[in-house]
Structure formats: structure tokens, C-alpha cells
Protein backbone atom coordinates (compact mmCIF):
# COMPACT_ATOMS: atom_id res chain seq x y z
CA MET A 1 -14.44 8.48 -4.01
CA ASP A 2 -16.15 9.61 -0.87
CA LEU A 3 -14.31 12.29 1.32
CA PHE A 4 -14.72 12.30 4.99
CA VAL A 5 -13.31 15.41 7.05
CA PHE A 6 -12.11 15.02 10.67
CA THR A 7 -13.55 18.01 12.37
CA VAL A 8 -15.42 19.42 15.14
CA ASP A 9 -15.92 22.77 13.71
CA PRO A 10 -19.56 23.17 12.66
CA GLY A 11 -18.94 25.72 10.18
CA CYS A 12 -16.28 23.65 8.60
CA ALA A 13 -18.32 20.69 8.73
CA ARG A 14 -21.32 22.62 6.89
CA ASP A 15 -19.13 24.19 4.24
CA VAL A 16 -16.98 20.78 3.26
CA VAL A 17 -20.12 18.82 2.95
CA ALA A 18 -21.65 21.77 0.88
CA GLY A 19 -18.57 21.79 -1.29
CA GLY A 20 -18.88 17.96 -2.08
CA ALA A 21 -17.41 15.94 0.90
CA ALA A 22 -19.54 12.94 1.86
CA GLY A 23 -19.40 13.65 5.57
CA ILE A 24 -17.59 14.23 8.74
CA VAL A 25 -15.75 12.26 11.32
CA VAL A 26 -15.91 13.02 15.06
CA ASP A 27 -13.08 11.21 16.83
CA TRP A 28 -13.53 9.88 20.38
CA GLU A 29 -10.40 7.45 20.26
CA ARG A 30 -8.06 8.30 22.98
CA ARG A 31 -7.87 5.35 25.63
CA GLY A 32 -4.33 4.18 25.50
CA LYS A 33 -3.52 6.15 22.42
CA ALA A 34 -0.92 8.53 24.05
CA ARG A 35 1.06 5.43 25.32
CA ARG A 36 0.65 3.46 22.20
CA GLN A 37 2.01 6.49 20.06
CA LEU A 38 4.42 7.98 22.34
CA GLY A 39 6.92 9.74 20.51
CA GLU A 40 5.41 9.37 17.06
CA GLY A 41 4.25 12.89 16.41
CA THR A 42 0.63 11.78 15.76
CA GLN A 43 -2.55 13.52 16.27
CA ILE A 44 -4.73 12.61 19.15
CA ASN A 45 -7.94 14.31 19.23
CA ALA A 46 -10.19 15.40 22.20
CA ASP A 47 -13.65 15.43 20.67
CA THR A 48 -16.71 15.12 22.83
CA PRO A 49 -20.32 14.13 22.57
CA ALA A 50 -21.04 17.67 22.45
CA ASP A 51 -19.10 18.11 19.45
CA LEU A 52 -20.95 15.43 17.89
CA ARG A 53 -24.12 16.96 18.62
CA ARG A 54 -22.91 20.30 17.20
CA VAL A 55 -21.63 18.50 14.09
CA ARG A 56 -24.79 16.80 13.49
CA ALA A 57 -26.86 20.00 13.88
CA ALA A 58 -24.42 21.76 11.28
CA THR A 59 -24.83 19.35 8.34
CA ASP A 60 -27.12 16.59 6.74
CA GLY A 61 -23.76 14.91 5.57
CA ARG A 62 -22.97 11.50 6.89
CA VAL A 63 -21.74 11.75 10.42
CA LEU A 64 -19.23 8.94 11.55
CA CYS A 65 -18.02 8.71 15.25
CA ARG A 66 -14.69 6.89 15.84
CA LEU A 67 -15.05 5.04 19.28
CA ASN A 68 -12.24 3.97 21.48
CA GLY A 69 -10.89 0.42 20.80
CA PHE A 70 -13.30 -2.37 22.08
CA GLY A 71 -13.50 -2.70 25.85
CA SER A 72 -15.85 -2.45 28.83
CA TRP A 73 -16.80 1.17 27.84
CA THR A 74 -18.04 0.11 24.17
CA ALA A 75 -21.71 -0.33 25.32
CA GLY A 76 -21.83 3.07 26.78
CA GLU A 77 -20.11 4.92 23.98
CA VAL A 78 -22.51 3.10 21.38
CA GLU A 79 -25.35 4.51 23.38
CA GLU A 80 -24.05 8.01 23.69
CA ALA A 81 -22.96 8.15 19.92
CA LEU A 82 -26.51 6.93 18.80
CA ALA A 83 -27.98 9.58 21.03
CA CYS A 84 -25.82 12.18 19.44
CA GLY A 85 -26.77 11.55 15.97
CA ALA A 86 -24.03 9.43 14.60
CA ASP A 87 -24.86 7.69 11.37
CA GLU A 88 -22.15 5.11 11.73
CA ILE A 89 -19.70 4.25 14.33
CA LEU A 90 -15.97 3.34 13.65
CA LEU A 91 -14.41 0.74 15.70
CA PRO A 92 -10.54 1.08 15.63
CA MET A 93 -7.68 -1.39 16.52
CA VAL A 94 -9.45 -4.31 15.90
CA ARG A 95 -7.57 -7.52 16.54
CA GLU A 96 -10.17 -10.41 16.31
CA PRO A 97 -13.83 -10.95 14.88
CA GLY A 98 -15.46 -11.25 18.49
CA GLU A 99 -14.84 -7.67 18.98
CA VAL A 100 -16.77 -6.91 15.93
CA ASP A 101 -19.30 -9.25 16.69
CA ARG A 102 -20.02 -7.91 20.16
CA THR A 103 -20.21 -4.41 18.85
CA LEU A 104 -22.87 -5.26 16.13
CA GLU A 105 -24.77 -6.84 18.76
CA LEU A 106 -24.66 -3.57 20.87
CA VAL A 107 -25.47 -1.54 17.75
CA ALA A 108 -28.35 -4.01 16.96
CA GLY A 109 -28.83 -2.39 13.41
CA ARG A 110 -29.42 1.07 14.61
CA CYS A 111 -26.53 2.45 12.70
CA GLY A 112 -23.59 1.37 10.59
CA VAL A 113 -20.61 -0.14 12.02
CA GLY A 114 -17.25 0.21 10.24
CA ILE A 115 -13.83 -1.08 11.28
CA LEU A 116 -10.35 0.09 11.13
CA ILE A 117 -7.91 -2.56 10.24
CA GLU A 118 -4.56 -1.13 11.75
CA THR A 119 -3.07 -4.08 13.60
CA GLN A 120 -1.31 -7.23 12.15
CA ASP A 121 -3.81 -9.41 13.92
CA ALA A 122 -6.69 -7.81 11.76
CA VAL A 123 -4.51 -7.82 8.74
CA GLU A 124 -4.26 -11.68 9.17
CA GLN A 125 -7.99 -12.20 9.89
CA ALA A 126 -9.19 -9.65 7.13
CA ALA A 127 -11.36 -12.33 5.34
CA ALA A 128 -13.01 -13.38 8.61
CA LEU A 129 -13.73 -9.55 9.60
CA ALA A 130 -14.88 -8.69 6.08
CA ALA A 131 -17.71 -11.64 6.45
CA ARG A 132 -19.33 -9.47 9.06
CA PRO A 133 -22.26 -7.11 8.08
CA LEU A 134 -20.01 -3.93 8.33
CA SER A 135 -20.77 -0.58 6.79
CA ARG A 136 -17.00 -0.02 5.67
CA ILE A 137 -13.59 -1.22 6.23
CA TYR A 138 -10.46 1.04 6.41
CA VAL A 139 -6.82 0.29 6.49
CA GLY A 140 -5.07 2.67 8.97
CA LEU A 141 -1.64 2.89 8.06
CA ASN A 142 -0.15 4.69 10.83
CA ASP A 143 -1.13 2.43 13.69
CA LEU A 144 -0.50 -0.67 11.43
CA ARG A 145 3.03 0.91 10.93
CA ILE A 146 3.42 1.24 14.98
CA ASP A 147 1.79 -2.19 15.54
CA ARG A 148 4.58 -3.73 13.17
CA ARG A 149 7.16 -1.68 14.94
CA SER A 150 8.05 -0.13 11.53
CA ARG A 151 9.30 3.31 10.63
CA GLU A 152 7.61 3.06 7.16
CA LEU A 153 4.17 4.74 6.93
CA PHE A 154 3.30 3.63 3.35
CA ARG A 155 5.09 0.43 3.07
CA PRO A 156 1.71 -1.50 3.34
CA LEU A 157 0.72 0.06 -0.09
CA VAL A 158 3.63 -1.64 -2.14
CA ASP A 159 3.88 -5.05 0.24
CA GLY A 160 0.69 -6.54 -0.94
CA THR A 161 -1.07 -5.70 2.59
CA VAL A 162 -3.70 -3.32 1.16
CA ASP A 163 -4.33 -5.33 -1.95
CA ALA A 164 -5.05 -8.42 0.19
CA VAL A 165 -7.55 -6.68 2.44
CA ARG A 166 -8.93 -4.95 -0.55
CA ALA A 167 -9.59 -8.23 -2.24
CA VAL A 168 -11.63 -9.57 0.60
CA ALA A 169 -13.76 -6.15 1.03
CA THR A 170 -17.23 -6.40 0.01
CA VAL A 171 -18.33 -3.17 1.54
CA PRO A 172 -17.22 0.43 1.02
CA PHE A 173 -13.37 0.13 1.20
CA GLY A 174 -10.84 2.95 2.36
CA VAL A 175 -7.07 3.53 3.10
CA ALA A 176 -4.71 6.44 3.83
CA GLY A 177 -5.74 10.00 3.47
CA LEU A 178 -5.38 12.68 1.13
CA THR A 179 -4.78 16.63 1.33
CA LEU A 180 -5.13 19.25 -1.53
CA PRO A 181 -3.82 18.41 -5.07
CA GLY A 182 -0.10 19.47 -5.17
CA GLY A 183 0.38 18.63 -1.47
CA GLY A 184 1.67 15.62 0.42
CA TRP A 185 4.97 14.63 1.72
CA PRO A 186 6.96 12.17 1.47
CA VAL A 187 4.41 10.84 -1.10
CA PRO A 188 2.87 13.39 -3.21
CA THR A 189 -0.90 13.45 -2.89
CA ARG A 190 -1.38 13.01 -6.63
CA LEU A 191 0.79 9.64 -6.37
CA LEU A 192 -1.32 8.51 -3.35
CA ALA A 193 -4.68 9.49 -4.90
CA ALA A 194 -3.52 7.50 -7.97
CA GLU A 195 -2.89 4.36 -5.77
CA LEU A 196 -6.43 4.82 -4.05
CA VAL A 197 -8.03 4.94 -7.50
CA ARG A 198 -5.82 1.63 -8.47
CA VAL A 199 -7.12 -0.35 -5.45
CA GLY A 200 -10.62 0.69 -6.01
CA ALA A 201 -10.97 2.82 -2.79
CA ASP A 202 -14.38 4.02 -2.10
CA PHE A 203 -13.56 6.71 0.38
CA THR A 204 -10.78 8.28 2.18
CA PHE A 205 -10.18 10.59 5.00
CA LEU A 206 -9.03 14.42 5.04
CA ARG A 207 -7.38 15.20 8.20
CA ARG A 208 -4.48 16.99 9.76
CA SER A 209 -2.43 17.99 6.60
CA PHE A 210 -5.66 18.85 4.90
CA HIS A 211 -6.67 21.31 7.48
CA ALA A 212 -3.08 22.89 7.47
CA ASP A 213 -3.14 23.11 3.64
CA MET A 214 -6.64 24.69 3.73
CA VAL A 215 -5.58 27.66 5.74
CA GLY A 216 -6.89 30.74 3.97
CA ARG A 217 -8.63 28.71 1.31
CA ASP A 218 -12.17 28.17 0.22
CA PRO A 219 -13.71 24.77 0.77
CA PHE A 220 -16.34 25.46 -1.92
CA VAL A 221 -13.31 25.72 -4.31
CA GLU A 222 -10.75 23.03 -2.74
CA VAL A 223 -12.98 20.33 -2.12
CA PRO A 224 -14.38 20.35 -5.73
CA ARG A 225 -11.11 20.62 -6.95
CA THR A 226 -9.74 17.69 -4.81
CA LEU A 227 -12.63 15.55 -6.41
CA ALA A 228 -11.95 16.64 -9.71
CA GLY A 229 -8.45 15.56 -9.60
CA LEU A 230 -9.75 12.00 -8.31
CA ALA A 231 -12.02 12.13 -11.48
CA GLU A 232 -8.88 12.77 -13.69
CA LEU A 233 -7.17 9.95 -12.19
CA ARG A 234 -9.93 7.54 -12.81
CA ALA A 235 -9.76 8.40 -16.50
CA ALA A 236 -6.16 8.06 -16.89
CA THR A 237 -4.74 5.65 -19.54
CA ALA A 238 -3.37 2.41 -18.42
CA GLU A 239 0.05 3.67 -19.42
CA GLN A 240 -0.20 6.68 -17.10
CA ALA A 241 -1.57 4.59 -14.32
CA ALA A 242 1.60 2.39 -14.76
CA VAL A 243 3.80 5.41 -14.71
CA ASP A 244 2.03 6.62 -11.59
CA ARG A 245 2.57 3.41 -9.80
CA ARG A 246 6.41 3.24 -10.49
CA ALA A 247 6.62 6.80 -9.32
CA LEU A 248 4.69 5.80 -6.04
CA VAL A 249 6.89 2.66 -5.40
CA ALA A 250 10.11 5.10 -5.99
CA ALA A 251 8.78 7.55 -3.54
CA ILE A 252 8.11 4.93 -0.92
CA ASP A 253 11.51 3.34 -1.41
CA GLU A 254 13.00 6.72 -0.95
CA ALA A 255 10.95 7.38 2.27
CA GLY A 256 12.24 3.95 3.36
CA ARG A 257 15.68 4.79 2.77
CA ARG A 258 15.36 8.08 4.59
CA SER A 259 13.72 6.07 7.53
CA GLY A 260 16.99 3.93 8.05
CA GLU A 261 15.21 0.66 7.35
CA PRO A 262 16.18 -2.00 4.95
CA LEU A 263 13.90 -2.01 1.66
CA VAL A 264 11.34 -4.56 1.55
CA PRO A 265 10.55 -5.29 -2.32
CA ALA A 266 6.94 -5.79 -3.23
CA PRO A 267 5.94 -9.39 -3.98
CA MET A 268 6.48 -10.16 -7.81
CA SER A 269 2.50 -10.68 -8.21
CA GLN A 270 2.22 -6.68 -7.31
CA PRO A 271 0.91 -4.97 -10.22
CA ALA A 272 3.52 -3.04 -12.16
């Protein structure tokens, strides 16, 4: 499973890639984000084209640039990201296939185009979106939670949403984000990682909690340790995988109880 780290620190970018991460994400998304995520305690980055150039110069890993959601500014952002050395762009908050088609036209094959499925509209049109020539598809749990007006971040992992999107994705697929082994709350990282293995995720992101947990630690130790933990989960027996899945569902249900929302049971067709 490829690990991509959100950072604009050239030294961090260099070291985490040298330690085994697949690449870096530079994050330009902020149009309307403060309003959309008001009161949610989420992270809103302020990365710049200069940051992208510095990261590009620091590493030979794959560099992804998350743009703003589609709009009149997208053409300019595509050109700037390409000029700064992005290998791929990520289009967030997709709502309909036309946005993706127009972005693909703007890119014209000059870099990869990945999309973030983080609206209910995108979930409902996942098959049509997945039919486009994309470089990757990622399900963003936090914005999807907000779009659904839910308080349960991890519910899409057990209500069939993630499985349904995964079933139609034929390009690298990702969901959620990890931190170091032993961390993670309210769902322990080990259980979340086991779920990523179960759904066949090809990549995931390391973001705010990862950076917090990395303080004082060596990326040349911790990134390989994270990858080794994923390899161990891939080698788990079917019995252990079933135990992990039940523990994940229990952890998500408990988080749901704490959120004050009624529990929504997973469909009967969900794997045990």
C-alpha cells in the first residue's frame, strides 16, 4: 500500500520518501473550505505554488497537488501545478462527471488526474466517475461526513459506502488516513489499517495525526514500521481478519454512541 504524506517541509518530504513513502501531497484547497467546515475542527492548509516547487526539488517521489474544487479558477490552477512540477493533480469535492471531464480536458494528458469522492452526489455517481481515465480515486471521509450532515466520521466504512465505491474503481483506490502503529482515535490505527487491507486499498494518506505522532521520531524507522504493519495485516489469516473486522465495527459503533446519533447497522451483505 502506497503512503502519501501531506507536507510542504522539504526535509520531511525528502526523508519520508527515502524512508519508504510513495510521495507527497501539497494542498491548495481552501476556497469555501472554512465556511464548509466551520466548527468542525478540521485542518485547512495554506500551501502555495512556491511550496510545491520546493517539495518537487527535494524529492524524486511522486508529488500530488490537491487543487480547489472545480470552478472558473481550475484552468489556472492546473497550469500552475504543472509548471511547479506536480506529477498528479487531485480534484476535491467532485459532484458530477462533467467537472471531471472538463478537468481532464484542461490537463490534456500532461499529468495524472485523481478525484476525491467526498460528497453524496459523487458516491451516487461513483460508477460513472470511475469510468473516466483517472490516476486514482480516494474516498474522503471527513467532507463526506459533513456533506451527509453526519457526526460519524467512520460510518461509510461499515454502511456499504466504501465497499460500493471500491467495487467500481479500476484505478488505484484509497480511503481514510493512517498514523503510526499504536496510535489512532477513536478507531485504533491497527483496525483502520486492517480495513484498508480488507477493501484492497492501494494507497492512503498520512496527515495531521501522523505529524503529531512523529514528533521526536525518526522517519527512517517509523515509515518502514508502518509499512511492515500493513504487510503483517495482509498476511493475516481469515480468522484474524474477521476478528479485526468485528472489532472495527464495534469501535465505530461506540464512536457513534458518543456522537449522540442513532446507530445505523451495516447491511446484511457486509462481510463479517
